[in-house]
Amino acid sequence: MVNDNRHAFLHDADALGGRPERARRMINDTRGAVAELAARAVGPGLDRRLSEEDLALVRDFVRAYGELDENYRYRGSSRAGYAEPPGGPTPGRILEPLDLVDIAKGGLLPLAMLFGEIYEMQAPIMEPIGGMDAIAHAFYRRTRRFITLNAQVTRLRRLGCGARVTWRDRTTQRVRTWDADHVIVTVP
């Protein structure tokens, strides 16, 4: 189970007018806004122990971290998502950044945005022996009597509390219909 899904929606009734937003957008717009604040704070008076060269390095880091423009301003980021996605000859149009104050109004949002950073909630990094396909193969071995391979579904219809599935056997070309209590659809 992966706990950190940047495509998931985050919602807090007190933030952003109660409108849910993608985690990707909220996390990266927060990062950009905080980086902009940090860039403004980084200057010669910040810390006498930092040389001008070190201050320049820190400002460059903060600029890259928050995807700030040449004036150290956050104007939005491809990491936050697109209003019009790129593709073909179009470069895409990034979303307008969310306002940091609006995000901060959500009392639960910091936890939701930082959940994957909590020590006990780190995303698992594991691979089964035999590769990731080993999970599908093991599942198939245990459930093969319920699975029909080479079946092209031609129609799926709700039927009261269940469903009716019409399919064609790709080997024999025979058309069949099954009524089922539940149907699992795995179309990508």
Protein backbone atom coordinates (compact mmCIF):
# COMPACT_ATOMS: atom_id res chain seq x y z
CA MET A 1 0.00 0.00 0.00
CA VAL A 2 1.39 3.37 -0.95
CA ASN A 3 0.34 6.15 1.43
CA ASP A 4 1.62 9.07 -0.62
CA ASN A 5 -0.45 9.69 -3.76
CA ARG A 6 0.22 13.06 -5.38
CA HIS A 7 -2.78 12.62 -7.70
CA ALA A 8 -5.22 12.20 -4.78
CA PHE A 9 -7.47 15.06 -3.73
CA LEU A 10 -6.91 16.84 -0.40
CA HIS A 11 -9.86 18.59 1.17
CA ASP A 12 -10.47 20.79 4.17
CA ALA A 13 -13.74 22.73 4.38
CA ASP A 14 -11.86 25.74 5.83
CA ALA A 15 -9.28 26.00 3.03
CA LEU A 16 -9.63 27.18 -0.56
CA GLY A 17 -13.33 27.92 -0.17
CA GLY A 18 -13.99 24.26 0.66
CA ARG A 19 -12.78 23.15 -2.80
CA PRO A 20 -10.72 19.93 -3.00
CA GLU A 21 -7.39 20.18 -4.81
CA ARG A 22 -4.86 17.60 -5.97
CA ALA A 23 -2.12 16.84 -3.45
CA ARG A 24 0.47 17.56 -6.18
CA ARG A 25 -0.80 21.12 -6.54
CA MET A 26 -1.11 21.87 -2.84
CA ILE A 27 2.28 20.41 -1.94
CA ASN A 28 4.19 22.12 -4.74
CA ASP A 29 2.40 25.47 -4.46
CA THR A 30 3.17 25.42 -0.72
CA ARG A 31 6.80 24.56 -1.49
CA GLY A 32 7.01 27.40 -4.02
CA ALA A 33 5.46 29.97 -1.69
CA VAL A 34 7.67 28.97 1.23
CA ALA A 35 10.74 28.98 -1.03
CA GLU A 36 9.84 32.50 -2.17
CA LEU A 37 9.64 33.59 1.48
CA ALA A 38 12.99 31.91 2.19
CA ALA A 39 14.62 33.59 -0.83
CA ARG A 40 13.53 36.99 0.48
CA ALA A 41 15.03 36.17 3.87
CA VAL A 42 18.38 35.02 2.48
CA GLY A 43 20.63 38.07 2.44
CA PRO A 44 23.85 39.43 3.86
CA GLY A 45 22.26 40.06 7.28
CA LEU A 46 20.95 36.50 7.56
CA ASP A 47 23.99 35.02 9.22
CA ARG A 48 27.47 36.53 9.48
CA ARG A 49 28.97 33.03 9.21
CA LEU A 50 27.86 32.70 5.56
CA SER A 51 30.04 34.18 2.89
CA GLU A 52 28.55 35.95 -0.15
CA GLU A 53 29.42 32.83 -2.14
CA ASP A 54 27.56 30.59 0.33
CA LEU A 55 24.54 32.92 0.33
CA ALA A 56 24.46 32.71 -3.48
CA LEU A 57 24.55 28.90 -3.26
CA VAL A 58 21.66 28.90 -0.77
CA ARG A 59 19.62 31.26 -2.96
CA ASP A 60 20.25 29.04 -6.01
CA PHE A 61 19.18 25.99 -4.03
CA VAL A 62 16.00 27.70 -2.78
CA ARG A 63 15.24 28.85 -6.33
CA ALA A 64 15.48 25.28 -7.68
CA TYR A 65 13.65 23.81 -4.68
CA GLY A 66 10.62 26.06 -5.15
CA GLU A 67 10.91 26.42 -8.94
CA LEU A 68 11.18 30.20 -8.58
CA ASP A 69 11.69 32.57 -11.52
CA GLU A 70 14.83 34.69 -12.05
CA ASN A 71 13.49 37.25 -9.56
CA TYR A 72 12.95 34.55 -6.93
CA ARG A 73 9.16 34.72 -7.31
CA TYR A 74 6.88 31.69 -7.41
CA ARG A 75 4.61 31.86 -10.46
CA GLY A 76 3.45 28.24 -10.50
CA SER A 77 5.19 25.02 -11.39
CA SER A 78 4.89 22.08 -13.75
CA ARG A 79 5.26 19.97 -10.60
CA ALA A 80 1.93 21.39 -9.38
CA GLY A 81 0.11 20.39 -12.56
CA TYR A 82 -1.33 21.88 -15.69
CA ALA A 83 -4.49 23.78 -16.59
CA GLU A 84 -3.79 22.61 -20.16
CA PRO A 85 -1.44 19.63 -20.29
CA PRO A 86 1.53 19.62 -22.68
CA GLY A 87 1.42 17.48 -25.75
CA GLY A 88 2.34 17.63 -29.41
CA PRO A 89 3.37 21.14 -30.40
CA THR A 90 1.83 22.76 -27.29
CA PRO A 91 4.03 23.29 -24.22
CA GLY A 92 1.01 23.29 -21.90
CA ARG A 93 -0.14 25.93 -19.43
CA ILE A 94 0.66 25.46 -15.76
CA LEU A 95 -1.99 26.07 -13.12
CA GLU A 96 -2.11 29.41 -11.36
CA PRO A 97 -0.56 28.96 -7.91
CA LEU A 98 -2.82 28.54 -4.91
CA ASP A 99 -2.52 31.23 -2.27
CA LEU A 100 -0.45 30.15 0.75
CA VAL A 101 -2.81 31.89 3.18
CA ASP A 102 -5.78 30.01 1.68
CA ILE A 103 -3.91 26.72 2.04
CA ALA A 104 -2.88 27.57 5.61
CA LYS A 105 -6.54 28.01 6.62
CA GLY A 106 -6.95 24.24 6.45
CA GLY A 107 -5.99 22.91 9.86
CA LEU A 108 -5.60 19.30 8.69
CA LEU A 109 -3.80 20.03 5.44
CA PRO A 110 -0.25 20.11 6.83
CA LEU A 111 -0.67 16.53 8.08
CA ALA A 112 -2.15 15.41 4.76
CA MET A 113 0.62 17.09 2.75
CA LEU A 114 3.40 15.72 4.93
CA PHE A 115 1.94 12.26 5.62
CA GLY A 116 4.52 10.46 3.47
CA GLU A 117 7.31 12.22 5.39
CA ILE A 118 6.27 10.81 8.78
CA TYR A 119 8.77 8.15 9.83
CA GLU A 120 6.17 5.42 10.36
CA MET A 121 4.30 6.27 7.14
CA GLN A 122 7.13 6.06 4.61
CA ALA A 123 6.14 4.55 1.29
CA PRO A 124 7.21 0.92 1.13
CA ILE A 125 10.02 0.07 -1.22
CA MET A 126 9.90 -3.62 -1.84
CA GLU A 127 9.86 -6.04 -4.71
CA PRO A 128 8.62 -9.59 -4.39
CA ILE A 129 10.98 -12.43 -5.27
CA GLY A 130 10.47 -12.97 -8.98
CA GLY A 131 9.51 -9.34 -9.70
CA MET A 132 6.24 -7.45 -9.47
CA ASP A 133 4.54 -9.93 -11.82
CA ALA A 134 4.89 -12.53 -9.06
CA ILE A 135 1.92 -10.90 -7.29
CA ALA A 136 -0.35 -11.24 -10.35
CA HIS A 137 0.81 -14.81 -10.98
CA ALA A 138 0.19 -15.83 -7.36
CA PHE A 139 -3.23 -14.20 -7.44
CA TYR A 140 -4.07 -16.06 -10.66
CA ARG A 141 -2.94 -19.42 -9.24
CA ARG A 142 -5.31 -18.99 -6.28
CA THR A 143 -8.29 -17.69 -8.28
CA ARG A 144 -7.95 -19.22 -11.77
CA ARG A 145 -11.22 -21.12 -11.48
CA PHE A 146 -13.01 -17.73 -11.35
CA ILE A 147 -11.06 -16.13 -14.24
CA THR A 148 -11.75 -16.49 -17.94
CA LEU A 149 -8.86 -15.58 -20.22
CA ASN A 150 -9.10 -14.49 -23.87
CA ALA A 151 -12.56 -13.06 -23.26
CA GLN A 152 -13.36 -9.83 -25.08
CA VAL A 153 -16.12 -8.00 -23.21
CA THR A 154 -18.57 -6.56 -25.74
CA ARG A 155 -21.20 -5.26 -23.36
CA LEU A 156 -21.53 -4.51 -19.67
CA ARG A 157 -24.95 -3.63 -18.30
CA ARG A 158 -26.29 -2.93 -14.82
CA LEU A 159 -28.96 -5.46 -13.93
CA GLY A 160 -30.85 -4.63 -10.71
CA CYS A 161 -28.34 -5.15 -7.90
CA GLY A 162 -25.89 -6.92 -10.19
CA ALA A 163 -24.61 -6.79 -13.74
CA ARG A 164 -24.80 -8.66 -17.03
CA VAL A 165 -21.56 -9.20 -18.94
CA THR A 166 -21.62 -10.18 -22.61
CA TRP A 167 -18.31 -11.43 -23.98
CA ARG A 168 -16.78 -13.22 -26.94
CA ASP A 169 -14.31 -16.07 -26.58
CA ARG A 170 -11.40 -14.94 -28.75
CA THR A 171 -10.39 -18.53 -29.44
CA THR A 172 -13.77 -19.97 -30.51
CA GLN A 173 -15.54 -16.66 -31.35
CA ARG A 174 -18.51 -17.92 -29.32
CA VAL A 175 -20.56 -15.14 -27.63
CA ARG A 176 -21.64 -15.74 -24.03
CA THR A 177 -23.52 -13.83 -21.34
CA TRP A 178 -23.04 -14.05 -17.58
CA ASP A 179 -25.10 -12.47 -14.83
CA ALA A 180 -23.04 -11.55 -11.79
CA ASP A 181 -23.49 -10.01 -8.36
CA HIS A 182 -20.26 -8.05 -8.78
CA VAL A 183 -17.96 -7.18 -11.69
CA ILE A 184 -14.35 -6.06 -11.37
CA VAL A 185 -13.39 -3.81 -14.28
CA THR A 186 -9.64 -3.52 -14.85
CA VAL A 187 -9.56 -1.28 -17.91
CA PRO A 188 -6.49 0.96 -17.66
